[in-house]
């Protein structure tokens, strides 16, 4: 959201909102940074020659970052933010010529919902834009779920797909008082006919024996859910997959094969006419030294639970030259707003005007934008350093 400086919470906002990093937060400041020993993940440590590497034609790359965040917390509102959390991890949908961003907004939790070590909650809001850069929050509809019994939950990390004119939202639900209880926590869902009014349906897997989280439903470049082998599919953390015939009733299955890259971010198919059977699962987690970065894993529709290939390096990482990606405020004076210095995660991407538009979290506090050309196939001879290094 491009706004005037006074609206972009400079001028003492952080002094009003919180007093700054505590001693423990200052300690964590050095923890969540690039570290090959801590955060390499399950990637091969064999010598890697970037000059000889050819970016595969199935992958999407060459992400270029927009020069500043496109969405930020609003002082005094339900998404006012806190130290370490703001507005991020949302889904993007295009409708009637506009971009709609359905995002996770954070705020300090009421005391009755907190537990030691967790003092925040999240709900979901929506913003619109004519150009995908300048967003306006639609405050009349937000937040979506702070009513009735749902007040005790934190709603986080949004996946939204459309199908035949209806919208389906999948997200993580947490009850901090019963953090380890799968009958209270995990993937929940809501439905809408207009993107503004949502009906919460509750947990998707109410009988799960372990918590299911981070649902990413396989979709096409226009964010329409895609049936594969007669069923809709979602990838879920920790070796799980969800299958459904109607996008509402789901069953989960255990997968035999795992892949590096950690948590699922976004799943895409039907994106390249030369790779019609391919599925890309974008991942966010420990990537070759990054605490959180975005990688890509290749699957095939014939066996969508078995990974075929993955990129040896992430396609989107933090950049120390971007304060909003290094735990500092986007506006002057630069003040610490988050420990999550080496953290990029996204749950929303769409194709428009020949480019992929990926909306990612900067320091878990801002929503930022990165774009990649829709190249089919990828440029011959392109090396991975050119295609995956952040450009500002």
Protein backbone atom coordinates (compact mmCIF):
# COMPACT_ATOMS: atom_id res chain seq x y z
CA UNK A 1 0.00 0.00 0.00
CA UNK A 2 1.57 3.26 -1.09
CA UNK A 3 0.57 5.81 1.51
CA UNK A 4 1.80 9.07 2.95
CA UNK A 5 4.53 8.75 5.51
CA UNK A 6 2.24 9.69 8.38
CA UNK A 7 -0.07 6.81 7.43
CA UNK A 8 2.79 4.34 7.04
CA UNK A 9 3.22 4.37 10.82
CA UNK A 10 6.32 6.48 11.16
CA UNK A 11 6.45 9.48 13.48
CA UNK A 12 6.46 7.71 16.82
CA UNK A 13 4.10 4.85 15.99
CA UNK A 14 6.51 2.24 17.29
CA UNK A 15 7.03 4.20 20.52
CA UNK A 16 3.26 4.22 20.97
CA UNK A 17 2.69 0.62 19.90
CA UNK A 18 5.45 -0.99 21.94
CA UNK A 19 8.59 0.08 23.71
CA UNK A 20 10.94 -1.89 21.48
CA UNK A 21 12.87 -5.14 21.72
CA UNK A 22 13.13 -6.79 25.10
CA UNK A 23 16.36 -8.43 26.26
CA UNK A 24 15.10 -11.76 24.96
CA UNK A 25 14.15 -10.22 21.61
CA UNK A 26 17.59 -8.70 21.29
CA UNK A 27 19.07 -12.14 21.89
CA UNK A 28 16.86 -13.58 19.17
CA UNK A 29 17.94 -10.82 16.77
CA UNK A 30 21.18 -12.71 16.15
CA UNK A 31 19.50 -16.10 16.03
CA UNK A 32 17.21 -15.63 13.05
CA UNK A 33 19.79 -14.74 10.44
CA UNK A 34 21.59 -16.50 7.62
CA UNK A 35 23.57 -19.41 9.06
CA UNK A 36 24.68 -22.38 6.97
CA UNK A 37 25.32 -24.60 9.97
CA UNK A 38 21.92 -24.03 11.60
CA UNK A 39 19.65 -23.67 8.62
CA UNK A 40 20.99 -25.64 5.68
CA UNK A 41 17.98 -27.97 5.68
CA UNK A 42 17.90 -31.32 3.88
CA UNK A 43 19.63 -30.13 0.73
CA UNK A 44 22.72 -31.76 -0.72
CA UNK A 45 26.01 -30.29 0.47
CA UNK A 46 27.86 -31.47 -2.63
CA UNK A 47 29.90 -28.74 -4.38
CA UNK A 48 27.61 -26.63 -6.51
CA UNK A 49 28.89 -24.94 -9.68
CA UNK A 50 26.55 -22.00 -10.36
CA UNK A 51 28.25 -21.24 -13.67
CA UNK A 52 27.34 -24.67 -15.05
CA UNK A 53 23.83 -24.85 -13.65
CA UNK A 54 20.92 -24.44 -16.05
CA UNK A 55 17.63 -23.29 -14.57
CA UNK A 56 15.06 -26.01 -15.39
CA UNK A 57 12.21 -25.21 -17.74
CA UNK A 58 9.61 -26.45 -15.26
CA UNK A 59 10.58 -23.86 -12.63
CA UNK A 60 9.53 -20.22 -12.18
CA UNK A 61 12.30 -17.77 -11.50
CA UNK A 62 13.87 -14.38 -11.99
CA UNK A 63 11.97 -12.70 -9.16
CA UNK A 64 12.43 -8.93 -8.96
CA UNK A 65 11.33 -7.17 -5.80
CA UNK A 66 9.16 -4.07 -5.68
CA UNK A 67 10.99 -1.19 -4.03
CA UNK A 68 8.98 -1.03 -0.80
CA UNK A 69 6.20 -2.87 1.07
CA UNK A 70 2.71 -2.82 -0.40
CA UNK A 71 0.85 -3.36 2.90
CA UNK A 72 1.60 -2.46 6.51
CA UNK A 73 -0.12 -2.55 9.92
CA UNK A 74 -2.61 0.20 10.72
CA UNK A 75 -2.14 1.95 14.09
CA UNK A 76 -5.14 1.64 16.38
CA UNK A 77 -6.85 -0.94 14.18
CA UNK A 78 -7.42 -4.67 14.58
CA UNK A 79 -4.29 -5.25 12.44
CA UNK A 80 -2.13 -2.80 14.39
CA UNK A 81 0.74 -5.27 14.55
CA UNK A 82 3.17 -6.01 17.33
CA UNK A 83 6.87 -6.62 17.69
CA UNK A 84 7.48 -9.59 15.37
CA UNK A 85 4.15 -9.64 13.56
CA UNK A 86 2.13 -7.43 11.25
CA UNK A 87 0.26 -8.04 7.99
CA UNK A 88 1.49 -10.88 5.79
CA UNK A 89 0.99 -14.49 4.56
CA UNK A 90 -2.09 -13.75 2.50
CA UNK A 91 -3.69 -15.01 -0.71
CA UNK A 92 -4.25 -12.95 -3.84
CA UNK A 93 -7.28 -13.23 -6.15
CA UNK A 94 -8.09 -11.15 -9.21
CA UNK A 95 -11.72 -10.27 -9.82
CA UNK A 96 -13.46 -7.66 -12.01
CA UNK A 97 -10.11 -6.18 -13.02
CA UNK A 98 -8.89 -5.71 -9.43
CA UNK A 99 -6.43 -7.44 -7.13
CA UNK A 100 -7.84 -8.65 -3.80
CA UNK A 101 -5.39 -9.56 -1.06
CA UNK A 102 -6.80 -11.66 1.80
CA UNK A 103 -4.22 -11.36 4.54
CA UNK A 104 -3.28 -12.33 8.07
CA UNK A 105 -3.26 -9.39 10.47
CA UNK A 106 -1.72 -9.58 13.95
CA UNK A 107 -2.49 -7.81 17.21
CA UNK A 108 -1.67 -8.18 20.92
CA UNK A 109 -3.94 -10.87 22.37
CA UNK A 110 -6.40 -10.25 25.19
CA UNK A 111 -5.05 -11.72 28.41
CA UNK A 112 -7.71 -14.44 28.59
CA UNK A 113 -6.40 -16.03 25.37
CA UNK A 114 -2.66 -15.93 26.06
CA UNK A 115 -0.27 -18.51 27.43
CA UNK A 116 3.35 -18.05 28.52
CA UNK A 117 5.41 -17.25 25.44
CA UNK A 118 2.44 -16.55 23.13
CA UNK A 119 0.83 -13.15 23.56
CA UNK A 120 -0.59 -12.42 20.12
CA UNK A 121 -3.54 -13.37 17.92
CA UNK A 122 -4.35 -13.07 14.23
CA UNK A 123 -7.45 -12.61 12.14
CA UNK A 124 -8.07 -12.19 8.43
CA UNK A 125 -8.71 -9.02 6.45
CA UNK A 126 -9.00 -7.95 2.84
CA UNK A 127 -7.50 -5.16 0.74
CA UNK A 128 -8.08 -4.22 -2.89
CA UNK A 129 -5.94 -2.65 -5.57
CA UNK A 130 -6.35 -1.53 -9.17
CA UNK A 131 -2.71 -2.18 -10.05
CA UNK A 132 -1.48 -4.81 -7.55
CA UNK A 133 0.75 -2.29 -5.78
CA UNK A 134 -1.41 0.42 -4.21
CA UNK A 135 -3.73 -1.43 -1.83
CA UNK A 136 -6.72 -0.08 0.11
CA UNK A 137 -7.87 -1.99 3.18
CA UNK A 138 -11.61 -2.69 3.12
CA UNK A 139 -12.16 -1.97 6.79
CA UNK A 140 -15.95 -2.31 6.61
CA UNK A 141 -15.57 -6.09 6.23
CA UNK A 142 -12.62 -6.70 8.56
CA UNK A 143 -11.70 -8.62 10.55
CA UNK A 144 -13.59 -11.64 9.25
CA UNK A 145 -13.74 -13.97 12.26
CA UNK A 146 -13.65 -12.08 15.58
CA UNK A 147 -17.14 -13.13 16.60
CA UNK A 148 -18.68 -15.68 18.97
CA UNK A 149 -16.60 -18.74 19.82
CA UNK A 150 -14.10 -17.91 17.08
CA UNK A 151 -12.70 -15.11 19.25
CA UNK A 152 -10.55 -17.62 21.10
CA UNK A 153 -8.70 -18.67 17.94
CA UNK A 154 -5.80 -17.17 16.07
CA UNK A 155 -6.36 -17.49 12.29
CA UNK A 156 -3.20 -17.54 10.20
CA UNK A 157 -1.57 -18.21 6.80
CA UNK A 158 -4.24 -18.00 4.12
CA UNK A 159 -4.85 -20.07 0.98
CA UNK A 160 -7.79 -18.97 -1.19
CA UNK A 161 -8.99 -20.61 -4.40
CA UNK A 162 -12.01 -20.03 -6.58
CA UNK A 163 -14.16 -22.62 -8.29
CA UNK A 164 -17.25 -21.97 -10.41
CA UNK A 165 -17.80 -18.54 -8.93
CA UNK A 166 -17.36 -19.49 -5.27
CA UNK A 167 -14.35 -18.84 -3.04
CA UNK A 168 -12.80 -21.29 -0.60
CA UNK A 169 -10.42 -20.18 2.15
CA UNK A 170 -8.11 -22.58 3.99
CA UNK A 171 -6.01 -21.39 6.90
CA UNK A 172 -4.38 -22.40 10.17
CA UNK A 173 -6.44 -22.16 13.36
CA UNK A 174 -4.83 -22.07 16.80
CA UNK A 175 -6.20 -22.15 20.33
CA UNK A 176 -3.18 -21.19 22.41
CA UNK A 177 -4.78 -22.68 25.54
CA UNK A 178 -4.81 -26.11 23.88
CA UNK A 179 -1.87 -25.73 21.58
CA UNK A 180 -1.24 -29.47 21.01
CA UNK A 181 -4.85 -30.58 20.62
CA UNK A 182 -5.71 -31.58 17.00
CA UNK A 183 -9.43 -31.34 17.80
CA UNK A 184 -8.93 -27.58 18.37
CA UNK A 185 -6.03 -26.71 16.09
CA UNK A 186 -5.14 -27.19 12.46
CA UNK A 187 -6.55 -26.51 9.02
CA UNK A 188 -9.93 -24.78 9.03
CA UNK A 189 -11.96 -23.36 6.17
CA UNK A 190 -14.51 -20.72 5.20
CA UNK A 191 -16.53 -20.08 2.04
CA UNK A 192 -17.75 -16.93 0.31
CA UNK A 193 -19.62 -15.88 -2.79
CA UNK A 194 -18.14 -12.37 -2.96
CA UNK A 195 -14.77 -12.37 -1.09
CA UNK A 196 -16.16 -9.95 1.52
CA UNK A 197 -18.58 -12.05 3.57
CA UNK A 198 -17.30 -15.40 4.81
CA UNK A 199 -18.99 -18.35 6.48
CA UNK A 200 -16.64 -20.22 8.81
CA UNK A 201 -17.11 -23.98 8.48
CA UNK A 202 -14.56 -25.05 11.09
CA UNK A 203 -11.83 -27.66 11.06
CA UNK A 204 -11.26 -29.51 7.79
CA UNK A 205 -9.88 -32.59 9.57
CA UNK A 206 -11.78 -32.68 12.90
CA UNK A 207 -10.84 -36.30 13.60
CA UNK A 208 -7.12 -35.92 12.91
CA UNK A 209 -4.78 -37.64 15.34
CA UNK A 210 -2.07 -35.04 14.76
CA UNK A 211 -2.29 -31.40 13.80
CA UNK A 212 -2.64 -30.67 10.09
CA UNK A 213 -1.32 -27.23 9.15
CA UNK A 214 -0.22 -25.05 6.23
CA UNK A 215 -2.76 -26.16 3.60
CA UNK A 216 -1.94 -25.27 0.00
CA UNK A 217 -4.56 -26.26 -2.55
CA UNK A 218 -3.32 -26.94 -6.07
CA UNK A 219 -4.52 -24.12 -8.34
CA UNK A 220 -3.96 -22.67 -11.78
CA UNK A 221 -2.44 -19.28 -12.69
CA UNK A 222 -5.85 -17.64 -12.29
CA UNK A 223 -6.20 -19.05 -8.76
CA UNK A 224 -8.88 -21.55 -9.78
CA UNK A 225 -8.77 -24.90 -7.97
CA UNK A 226 -7.75 -27.77 -10.26
CA UNK A 227 -8.95 -31.36 -10.12
CA UNK A 228 -6.19 -33.95 -10.50
CA UNK A 229 -7.15 -37.55 -11.17
CA UNK A 230 -10.75 -36.66 -10.33
CA UNK A 231 -10.06 -34.93 -7.01
CA UNK A 232 -8.92 -31.60 -5.63
CA UNK A 233 -5.61 -31.73 -3.78
CA UNK A 234 -3.88 -29.89 -1.01
CA UNK A 235 -0.35 -30.34 0.28
CA UNK A 236 -0.06 -30.20 4.08
CA UNK A 237 3.01 -30.04 6.32
CA UNK A 238 4.78 -33.10 7.64
CA UNK A 239 4.19 -35.53 4.79
CA UNK A 240 0.42 -35.18 4.45
CA UNK A 241 -1.88 -34.62 1.49
CA UNK A 242 -5.58 -33.76 1.40
CA UNK A 243 -8.04 -35.07 -1.21
CA UNK A 244 -11.57 -33.83 -1.91
CA UNK A 245 -14.34 -34.09 -4.49
CA UNK A 246 -16.08 -30.83 -3.54
CA UNK A 247 -13.45 -28.60 -1.81
CA UNK A 248 -15.36 -28.92 1.50
CA UNK A 249 -15.12 -32.55 2.58
CA UNK A 250 -11.50 -33.73 2.73
CA UNK A 251 -9.57 -36.84 3.64
CA UNK A 252 -5.88 -36.82 4.47
CA UNK A 253 -3.34 -39.40 3.39
CA UNK A 254 0.24 -40.03 4.47
CA UNK A 255 2.89 -39.59 1.79
CA UNK A 256 5.82 -41.97 1.56
CA UNK A 257 8.34 -39.49 0.17
CA UNK A 258 9.56 -36.22 1.61
CA UNK A 259 11.46 -33.30 0.08
CA UNK A 260 13.69 -30.51 1.34
CA UNK A 261 12.41 -27.01 1.90
CA UNK A 262 10.09 -27.27 4.86
CA UNK A 263 6.58 -25.83 4.99
CA UNK A 264 4.34 -25.60 1.95
CA UNK A 265 3.61 -22.08 0.63
CA UNK A 266 1.75 -22.40 -2.65
CA UNK A 267 0.92 -25.13 -5.19
CA UNK A 268 0.55 -24.48 -8.91
CA UNK A 269 -0.32 -26.45 -12.04
CA UNK A 270 -1.45 -25.81 -15.64
CA UNK A 271 1.06 -22.97 -15.77
CA UNK A 272 3.14 -24.02 -18.76
CA UNK A 273 1.86 -25.62 -22.00
CA UNK A 274 5.17 -27.44 -22.33
CA UNK A 275 4.74 -28.98 -18.89
CA UNK A 276 1.03 -29.76 -18.71
CA UNK A 277 1.41 -32.58 -16.16
CA UNK A 278 3.70 -30.68 -13.80
CA UNK A 279 2.88 -29.37 -10.34
CA UNK A 280 5.14 -26.94 -8.49
CA UNK A 281 5.04 -26.86 -4.71
CA UNK A 282 6.65 -23.67 -3.43
CA UNK A 283 8.22 -24.27 -0.02
CA UNK A 284 9.26 -22.00 2.81
CA UNK A 285 11.68 -23.14 5.47
CA UNK A 286 15.36 -23.84 6.01
CA UNK A 287 16.99 -23.39 2.61
CA UNK A 288 20.77 -23.78 2.33
CA UNK A 289 21.48 -21.43 5.21
CA UNK A 290 18.42 -19.22 5.14
CA UNK A 291 16.14 -19.43 8.16
CA UNK A 292 13.10 -19.05 5.88
CA UNK A 293 13.27 -18.72 2.10
CA UNK A 294 11.19 -19.83 -0.88
CA UNK A 295 12.08 -22.92 -2.90
CA UNK A 296 10.38 -25.04 -5.56
CA UNK A 297 9.66 -28.78 -5.74
CA UNK A 298 8.45 -30.55 -8.88
CA UNK A 299 5.63 -33.13 -8.86
CA UNK A 300 3.67 -34.81 -11.63
CA UNK A 301 -0.10 -35.29 -11.91
CA UNK A 302 0.32 -39.02 -12.50
CA UNK A 303 1.77 -39.41 -8.99
CA UNK A 304 1.26 -36.08 -7.19
CA UNK A 305 2.54 -37.34 -3.85
CA UNK A 306 6.04 -38.18 -5.09
CA UNK A 307 8.60 -35.37 -5.55
CA UNK A 308 10.60 -35.64 -8.76
CA UNK A 309 13.07 -32.79 -8.54
CA UNK A 310 13.75 -29.60 -6.60
CA UNK A 311 15.85 -26.50 -7.01
CA UNK A 312 19.21 -26.61 -5.22
CA UNK A 313 18.86 -22.99 -4.10
CA UNK A 314 15.87 -20.82 -3.12
CA UNK A 315 14.27 -18.49 -5.65
CA UNK A 316 13.46 -15.79 -3.11
CA UNK A 317 15.56 -14.80 -0.10
CA UNK A 318 15.97 -11.81 2.18
CA UNK A 319 18.15 -8.89 1.20
CA UNK A 320 20.06 -7.00 3.91
CA UNK A 321 19.74 -3.83 1.84
CA UNK A 322 15.96 -3.91 2.41
CA UNK A 323 15.34 -2.77 6.00
CA UNK A 324 11.83 -4.23 5.94
CA UNK A 325 13.42 -7.63 5.25
CA UNK A 326 16.02 -7.22 7.99
CA UNK A 327 13.76 -6.62 10.97
CA UNK A 328 13.63 -2.84 10.69
CA UNK A 329 10.81 -0.43 9.87
CA UNK A 330 10.25 0.58 6.25
CA UNK A 331 10.05 4.25 7.18
CA UNK A 332 12.57 6.54 8.83
CA UNK A 333 13.75 6.45 11.49
CA UNK A 334 14.61 2.76 11.08
CA UNK A 335 13.47 1.01 14.25
CA UNK A 336 13.48 -2.69 15.09
CA UNK A 337 10.04 -4.20 14.45
CA UNK A 338 10.81 -7.92 14.30
CA UNK A 339 13.37 -10.63 15.05
CA UNK A 340 12.49 -12.42 11.80
CA UNK A 341 15.42 -10.99 9.86
CA UNK A 342 16.08 -13.84 7.44
CA UNK A 343 12.46 -14.75 6.80
CA UNK A 344 10.56 -14.77 3.52
CA UNK A 345 7.33 -16.75 3.19
CA UNK A 346 4.44 -16.34 0.79
CA UNK A 347 1.01 -17.90 0.37
CA UNK A 348 -0.33 -15.82 -2.52
CA UNK A 349 0.65 -15.62 -6.18
CA UNK A 350 -1.18 -14.90 -9.42
CA UNK A 351 -0.42 -14.41 -13.12
CA UNK A 352 -1.19 -11.02 -14.68
CA UNK A 353 0.12 -9.05 -17.65
CA UNK A 354 2.78 -11.63 -18.44
CA UNK A 355 4.22 -11.68 -14.92
CA UNK A 356 3.91 -13.75 -11.77
CA UNK A 357 2.94 -11.58 -8.81
CA UNK A 358 4.06 -13.12 -5.50
CA UNK A 359 3.08 -11.41 -2.24
CA UNK A 360 5.45 -12.31 0.57
CA UNK A 361 6.11 -11.38 4.17
CA UNK A 362 9.01 -9.07 4.95
CA UNK A 363 10.30 -9.76 8.48
CA UNK A 364 6.84 -11.24 9.22
CA UNK A 365 5.71 -7.62 9.56
CA UNK A 366 5.03 -6.21 6.06
CA UNK A 367 3.55 -7.58 2.87
CA UNK A 368 5.95 -7.16 -0.04
CA UNK A 369 5.77 -7.90 -3.76
CA UNK A 370 8.11 -9.81 -6.05
CA UNK A 371 7.51 -10.39 -9.76
CA UNK A 372 8.88 -12.91 -12.24
CA UNK A 373 8.39 -12.95 -16.01
CA UNK A 374 6.15 -15.69 -17.36
CA UNK A 375 8.82 -17.22 -19.56
CA UNK A 376 8.08 -20.44 -21.45
CA UNK A 377 10.56 -22.00 -21.37
CA UNK A 378 13.12 -20.32 -19.09
CA UNK A 379 15.86 -18.43 -20.97
CA UNK A 380 18.49 -20.85 -22.31
CA UNK A 381 21.83 -20.57 -20.60
CA UNK A 382 20.44 -18.70 -17.59
CA UNK A 383 22.42 -19.55 -14.51
CA UNK A 384 20.81 -19.89 -11.10
CA UNK A 385 22.61 -16.90 -9.57
CA UNK A 386 21.01 -14.58 -12.14
CA UNK A 387 17.55 -16.03 -11.69
CA UNK A 388 17.31 -16.41 -7.93
CA UNK A 389 19.34 -13.52 -6.54
CA UNK A 390 17.01 -10.78 -5.22
CA UNK A 391 17.12 -7.61 -7.29
CA UNK A 392 15.95 -4.24 -5.98
